[in-house]
């Protein structure tokens, strides 16, 4: 069990946060008045006091909040918590949603501290519940209950905001209704090989998500790249998944045989390509849904008998 060592807020992004004694946390939003709050997956940031002290030992004159973290913790190993872990603090729960981050440019935090530990040692969470939290409040680890899932929509237009993503939400709804989940993260990216490669590796290697689903970019158009990148990333291919999806889809539409969707595993993550239409994506997912949980368990070391009687 740990505790809150400091609470820090700011009304602008990329600046040093101000330490406060207490702050109000809003459900599915974040800290009231903080610039990083919002309807996204990084509503609250956390960094361990031990990480801050590490920088102090290097000679940097830094304190809690100087790395733009909202909560500085003490007495718990933040990096041991997988995505989907629930932390109970007072009347609210924080669900861990991301481990580390990529800094695309140097901000005021970097220039003030000289070095930043947030990219590697910070974690992020979403808020469940409403209430005021105070410095000194206890932090309880409630563990992870369910599977962590990443949904990646591949669309040039949707990534630019020119088209509403309907498939990602449809997949999320189906997954939520048919699999016990601890956290679902959604991303929309362009049909770009490098971007998808980076995202898949991050989701599997750093975020360690149990299930990673892409939708779109599975055909033969010049910009259809999901199967090509997935083949590069996976370590074991699951041809049976692919065969069943195409065979069952063929009963609905003959055009399904044009799909090049690939399924496989990387480390402890199951990776599945789905088509880009909401109807097609959910149909394909439904064909393999009965074996997804079993597959994840076996991938992650379950030694029980696979036989079905």
Protein backbone atom coordinates (compact mmCIF):
# COMPACT_ATOMS: atom_id res chain seq x y z
CA UNK A 1 0.00 0.00 0.00
CA UNK A 2 1.33 3.42 -0.94
CA UNK A 3 0.20 6.99 -0.58
CA UNK A 4 -0.11 10.28 -2.45
CA UNK A 5 3.05 12.26 -1.79
CA UNK A 6 2.01 15.26 -3.89
CA UNK A 7 -0.82 16.49 -6.13
CA UNK A 8 0.07 18.87 -8.95
CA UNK A 9 -2.08 20.76 -11.47
CA UNK A 10 -1.68 23.30 -14.25
CA UNK A 11 -4.09 25.07 -16.59
CA UNK A 12 -1.68 24.71 -19.54
CA UNK A 13 0.10 21.75 -21.08
CA UNK A 14 3.88 21.49 -21.23
CA UNK A 15 4.52 23.63 -18.15
CA UNK A 16 5.61 22.95 -14.58
CA UNK A 17 2.60 22.06 -12.44
CA UNK A 18 1.73 23.75 -9.16
CA UNK A 19 1.57 21.62 -6.03
CA UNK A 20 -1.73 21.73 -4.13
CA UNK A 21 -3.00 20.08 -0.95
CA UNK A 22 -6.10 18.63 -2.60
CA UNK A 23 -7.89 18.42 -5.94
CA UNK A 24 -11.28 17.31 -7.23
CA UNK A 25 -11.29 14.30 -9.54
CA UNK A 26 -14.15 14.03 -12.05
CA UNK A 27 -15.46 10.76 -13.45
CA UNK A 28 -14.06 9.90 -16.89
CA UNK A 29 -12.41 13.32 -17.12
CA UNK A 30 -9.54 13.89 -14.71
CA UNK A 31 -8.63 16.65 -12.29
CA UNK A 32 -10.94 19.64 -12.40
CA UNK A 33 -9.03 22.62 -13.79
CA UNK A 34 -6.06 20.62 -15.08
CA UNK A 35 -5.08 21.04 -18.73
CA UNK A 36 -4.53 17.31 -19.26
CA UNK A 37 -8.05 16.34 -18.19
CA UNK A 38 -10.49 15.33 -20.91
CA UNK A 39 -12.36 12.53 -22.65
CA UNK A 40 -9.27 10.50 -23.54
CA UNK A 41 -7.14 7.74 -22.06
CA UNK A 42 -4.50 9.90 -20.34
CA UNK A 43 -6.67 11.80 -17.88
CA UNK A 44 -4.28 11.62 -14.93
CA UNK A 45 -0.50 11.12 -14.86
CA UNK A 46 1.44 9.44 -12.06
CA UNK A 47 5.13 9.34 -11.20
CA UNK A 48 6.84 7.72 -8.22
CA UNK A 49 8.70 9.86 -5.70
CA UNK A 50 11.49 7.34 -6.10
CA UNK A 51 11.86 8.46 -9.74
CA UNK A 52 12.03 12.10 -8.68
CA UNK A 53 14.71 11.26 -6.09
CA UNK A 54 16.70 9.46 -8.77
CA UNK A 55 16.89 12.74 -10.69
CA UNK A 56 17.79 14.62 -7.51
CA UNK A 57 20.69 12.22 -6.93
CA UNK A 58 21.97 13.17 -10.38
CA UNK A 59 22.23 16.76 -9.19
CA UNK A 60 19.01 18.10 -10.71
CA UNK A 61 17.12 20.61 -8.57
CA UNK A 62 13.67 19.14 -9.03
CA UNK A 63 10.65 18.39 -6.87
CA UNK A 64 7.29 16.67 -7.18
CA UNK A 65 5.28 18.16 -10.03
CA UNK A 66 8.32 19.33 -12.00
CA UNK A 67 7.86 16.47 -14.48
CA UNK A 68 4.24 17.54 -15.12
CA UNK A 69 2.84 14.57 -13.20
CA UNK A 70 -0.53 15.02 -11.48
CA UNK A 71 0.11 12.55 -8.68
CA UNK A 72 3.46 11.76 -7.12
CA UNK A 73 3.25 8.43 -5.33
CA UNK A 74 5.33 6.98 -2.53
CA UNK A 75 5.77 3.39 -1.43
CA UNK A 76 4.42 1.57 -4.50
CA UNK A 77 6.10 0.23 -7.61
CA UNK A 78 4.15 1.98 -10.36
CA UNK A 79 5.90 0.20 -13.22
CA UNK A 80 4.81 -3.20 -11.89
CA UNK A 81 1.17 -2.39 -12.64
CA UNK A 82 -0.05 -3.66 -16.03
CA UNK A 83 -2.55 -1.69 -18.09
CA UNK A 84 -6.00 -2.38 -16.64
CA UNK A 85 -4.87 -2.32 -12.99
CA UNK A 86 -7.30 -0.58 -10.62
CA UNK A 87 -5.97 1.74 -7.93
CA UNK A 88 -8.36 2.73 -5.15
CA UNK A 89 -7.74 6.21 -3.71
CA UNK A 90 -10.39 7.57 -1.41
CA UNK A 91 -13.75 7.55 -3.20
CA UNK A 92 -12.34 7.12 -6.71
CA UNK A 93 -10.65 4.46 -8.79
CA UNK A 94 -7.85 5.06 -11.25
CA UNK A 95 -7.54 2.49 -14.02
CA UNK A 96 -4.04 2.32 -15.48
CA UNK A 97 -4.37 3.08 -19.18
CA UNK A 98 -0.83 3.66 -20.46
CA UNK A 99 2.75 2.97 -19.46
CA UNK A 100 5.24 5.67 -20.42
CA UNK A 101 4.81 8.03 -23.35
CA UNK A 102 6.57 9.41 -26.39
CA UNK A 103 7.69 13.04 -26.18
CA UNK A 104 7.72 14.52 -29.67
CA UNK A 105 9.29 17.82 -28.60
CA UNK A 106 11.11 19.34 -25.66
CA UNK A 107 8.78 21.30 -23.42
CA UNK A 108 9.23 23.61 -20.45
CA UNK A 109 9.45 20.58 -18.18
CA UNK A 110 12.55 19.31 -20.00
CA UNK A 111 14.27 22.69 -20.00
CA UNK A 112 13.51 23.19 -16.30
CA UNK A 113 14.62 19.71 -15.18
CA UNK A 114 17.35 19.09 -17.74
CA UNK A 115 16.06 15.54 -18.11
CA UNK A 116 12.61 13.94 -17.98
CA UNK A 117 11.71 10.57 -16.47
CA UNK A 118 8.04 10.64 -17.47
CA UNK A 119 8.54 8.97 -20.89
CA UNK A 120 9.94 5.82 -19.29
CA UNK A 121 8.76 5.84 -15.69
CA UNK A 122 5.47 7.72 -15.71
CA UNK A 123 2.12 6.00 -16.06
CA UNK A 124 -1.36 7.27 -16.90
CA UNK A 125 -4.89 6.47 -15.84
CA UNK A 126 -8.56 7.19 -16.32
CA UNK A 127 -10.84 8.27 -13.49
CA UNK A 128 -13.83 6.31 -12.25
CA UNK A 129 -15.97 8.11 -9.68
CA UNK A 130 -16.04 11.64 -8.30
CA UNK A 131 -14.35 13.02 -5.23
CA UNK A 132 -11.66 15.15 -3.66
CA UNK A 133 -8.29 13.56 -3.03
CA UNK A 134 -5.68 14.87 -0.62
CA UNK A 135 -1.94 14.62 -0.13
CA UNK A 136 -1.37 11.66 2.20
CA UNK A 137 -4.34 9.62 0.96
CA UNK A 138 -3.66 5.89 0.77
CA UNK A 139 -3.35 4.13 -2.58
CA UNK A 140 -4.63 0.54 -2.71
CA UNK A 141 -3.82 -1.81 -5.56
CA UNK A 142 -7.03 -3.67 -6.45
CA UNK A 143 -5.33 -5.63 -9.23
CA UNK A 144 -6.35 -6.27 -12.80
CA UNK A 145 -9.75 -7.87 -13.41
CA UNK A 146 -10.25 -8.76 -17.07
CA UNK A 147 -8.35 -8.42 -20.33
CA UNK A 148 -6.65 -5.28 -21.61
CA UNK A 149 -7.54 -4.51 -25.23
CA UNK A 150 -6.19 -2.18 -27.89
CA UNK A 151 -8.29 -1.23 -30.93
CA UNK A 152 -6.48 0.43 -33.83
CA UNK A 153 -8.53 1.99 -36.62
CA UNK A 154 -6.57 2.41 -39.85
CA UNK A 155 -7.95 5.22 -41.98
CA UNK A 156 -6.29 8.17 -43.70
CA UNK A 157 -9.50 10.19 -43.60
CA UNK A 158 -10.53 9.34 -40.04
CA UNK A 159 -7.03 10.11 -38.76
CA UNK A 160 -7.39 13.63 -40.21
CA UNK A 161 -10.84 14.12 -38.73
CA UNK A 162 -12.47 14.10 -42.19
CA UNK A 163 -14.46 10.95 -41.48
CA UNK A 164 -16.08 9.62 -38.31
CA UNK A 165 -14.72 6.28 -37.17
CA UNK A 166 -17.69 3.94 -36.81
CA UNK A 167 -15.83 0.63 -36.83
CA UNK A 168 -13.68 1.21 -33.73
CA UNK A 169 -16.72 1.92 -31.51
CA UNK A 170 -18.60 -1.06 -33.01
CA UNK A 171 -15.68 -3.37 -32.21
CA UNK A 172 -15.39 -1.88 -28.72
CA UNK A 173 -19.10 -2.49 -28.06
CA UNK A 174 -18.90 -6.09 -29.23
CA UNK A 175 -15.76 -6.80 -27.20
CA UNK A 176 -17.27 -5.22 -24.07
CA UNK A 177 -20.35 -7.42 -24.39
CA UNK A 178 -18.50 -10.67 -25.07
CA UNK A 179 -15.21 -10.50 -23.13
CA UNK A 180 -14.46 -9.40 -19.59
CA UNK A 181 -12.21 -6.39 -20.05
CA UNK A 182 -10.17 -4.31 -17.62
CA UNK A 183 -9.46 -1.47 -20.06
CA UNK A 184 -10.00 -0.78 -23.77
CA UNK A 185 -7.76 1.71 -25.54
CA UNK A 186 -8.69 3.08 -28.97
CA UNK A 187 -6.38 4.73 -31.50
CA UNK A 188 -6.99 6.07 -35.01
CA UNK A 189 -3.96 6.24 -37.30
CA UNK A 190 -3.33 6.72 -41.01
CA UNK A 191 -2.65 3.81 -43.36
CA UNK A 192 1.05 4.20 -42.70
CA UNK A 193 3.40 1.20 -42.37
CA UNK A 194 5.85 2.82 -39.98
CA UNK A 195 3.14 4.22 -37.72
CA UNK A 196 1.33 0.89 -37.50
CA UNK A 197 4.59 -0.97 -36.87
CA UNK A 198 5.44 1.35 -33.99
CA UNK A 199 1.92 1.18 -32.55
CA UNK A 200 1.68 -2.61 -32.66
CA UNK A 201 5.08 -3.01 -31.01
CA UNK A 202 4.22 -0.45 -28.33
CA UNK A 203 0.87 -2.12 -27.59
CA UNK A 204 2.52 -5.56 -27.33
CA UNK A 205 5.97 -4.83 -25.89
CA UNK A 206 5.44 -1.78 -23.64
CA UNK A 207 1.71 -1.65 -22.88
CA UNK A 208 1.57 -5.47 -22.81
CA UNK A 209 -2.07 -5.53 -23.91
CA UNK A 210 -3.71 -8.96 -23.96
CA UNK A 211 -5.64 -8.40 -27.19
CA UNK A 212 -4.79 -6.05 -30.06
CA UNK A 213 -7.31 -5.57 -32.86
CA UNK A 214 -6.77 -3.57 -36.05
CA UNK A 215 -9.62 -2.67 -38.37
CA UNK A 216 -9.33 -1.52 -41.96
CA UNK A 217 -6.53 -1.63 -44.54
CA UNK A 218 -6.82 -5.40 -45.11
CA UNK A 219 -7.52 -5.47 -48.86
CA UNK A 220 -5.40 -5.04 -52.00
CA UNK A 221 -5.56 -1.28 -52.55
CA UNK A 222 -2.21 0.55 -52.65
CA UNK A 223 -2.77 1.95 -49.13
CA UNK A 224 -3.91 -1.37 -47.58
CA UNK A 225 -0.99 -2.22 -45.30
CA UNK A 226 -2.33 -3.92 -42.13
CA UNK A 227 -1.54 -7.54 -43.13
CA UNK A 228 1.94 -6.67 -44.41
CA UNK A 229 2.92 -4.90 -41.18
CA UNK A 230 1.27 -7.51 -38.97
CA UNK A 231 3.29 -10.29 -40.63
CA UNK A 232 6.48 -8.35 -39.86
CA UNK A 233 5.49 -7.87 -36.22
CA UNK A 234 4.03 -11.21 -35.14
CA UNK A 235 6.11 -14.12 -33.87
CA UNK A 236 3.58 -16.91 -34.43
CA UNK A 237 0.90 -16.86 -37.11
CA UNK A 238 -2.60 -18.20 -36.43
CA UNK A 239 -3.72 -19.31 -39.87
CA UNK A 240 -6.77 -21.06 -38.44
CA UNK A 241 -8.22 -17.73 -37.30
CA UNK A 242 -7.74 -16.30 -40.78
CA UNK A 243 -9.23 -19.33 -42.54
CA UNK A 244 -12.35 -19.33 -40.37
CA UNK A 245 -12.95 -15.61 -40.81
CA UNK A 246 -12.68 -15.83 -44.60
CA UNK A 247 -14.69 -19.03 -44.89
CA UNK A 248 -17.56 -17.78 -42.74
CA UNK A 249 -17.51 -14.34 -44.38
CA UNK A 250 -17.67 -16.00 -47.82
CA UNK A 251 -21.08 -17.37 -46.87
CA UNK A 252 -22.26 -13.77 -46.50
CA UNK A 253 -20.37 -12.07 -49.34
CA UNK A 254 -18.08 -13.54 -52.00
CA UNK A 255 -15.92 -10.40 -51.85
CA UNK A 256 -14.57 -11.58 -48.51
CA UNK A 257 -11.98 -13.77 -50.25
CA UNK A 258 -10.15 -10.58 -51.26
CA UNK A 259 -9.32 -9.96 -47.59
CA UNK A 260 -5.68 -10.50 -46.62
CA UNK A 261 -6.36 -10.24 -42.87
CA UNK A 262 -3.62 -11.74 -40.68
CA UNK A 263 -3.80 -13.03 -37.10
CA UNK A 264 -0.95 -14.00 -34.81
CA UNK A 265 0.85 -13.43 -31.55
CA UNK A 266 3.68 -11.25 -30.30
CA UNK A 267 5.00 -11.95 -26.81
CA UNK A 268 1.84 -12.19 -24.64
CA UNK A 269 -0.44 -10.34 -27.06
CA UNK A 270 -2.95 -11.78 -29.52
CA UNK A 271 -3.13 -9.63 -32.68
CA UNK A 272 -6.12 -9.74 -35.05
CA UNK A 273 -6.76 -7.89 -38.33
CA UNK A 274 -10.41 -7.07 -39.09
CA UNK A 275 -12.01 -5.42 -42.15
CA UNK A 276 -12.86 -1.74 -42.13
CA UNK A 277 -16.67 -1.79 -42.20
CA UNK A 278 -18.51 -1.95 -38.85
CA UNK A 279 -20.67 -4.88 -40.00
CA UNK A 280 -17.78 -6.84 -41.50
CA UNK A 281 -15.51 -6.23 -38.50
CA UNK A 282 -18.08 -7.42 -35.96
CA UNK A 283 -19.06 -10.42 -38.08
CA UNK A 284 -15.44 -11.53 -38.46
CA UNK A 285 -14.79 -11.03 -34.77
CA UNK A 286 -17.87 -13.07 -33.87
CA UNK A 287 -16.58 -16.06 -35.86
CA UNK A 288 -13.44 -16.35 -33.70
CA UNK A 289 -14.74 -14.88 -30.44
CA UNK A 290 -15.37 -18.31 -28.84
CA UNK A 291 -11.63 -19.10 -28.86
CA UNK A 292 -10.12 -15.69 -28.09
CA UNK A 293 -10.05 -16.04 -24.29
CA UNK A 294 -8.71 -19.60 -24.54
CA UNK A 295 -6.00 -18.45 -26.95
CA UNK A 296 -4.86 -15.62 -24.70
CA UNK A 297 -4.71 -17.93 -21.70
CA UNK A 298 -2.62 -20.51 -23.57
CA UNK A 299 -0.36 -17.80 -24.94
CA UNK A 300 0.26 -16.51 -21.43
CA UNK A 301 1.14 -19.87 -19.95
CA UNK A 302 -2.07 -21.69 -19.05
CA UNK A 303 -1.21 -25.40 -18.85
CA UNK A 304 -4.75 -26.79 -18.67
CA UNK A 305 -5.94 -29.37 -21.17
CA UNK A 306 -7.09 -27.88 -24.50
CA UNK A 307 -9.51 -30.73 -25.20
CA UNK A 308 -13.18 -29.82 -25.46
CA UNK A 309 -15.69 -32.56 -24.59
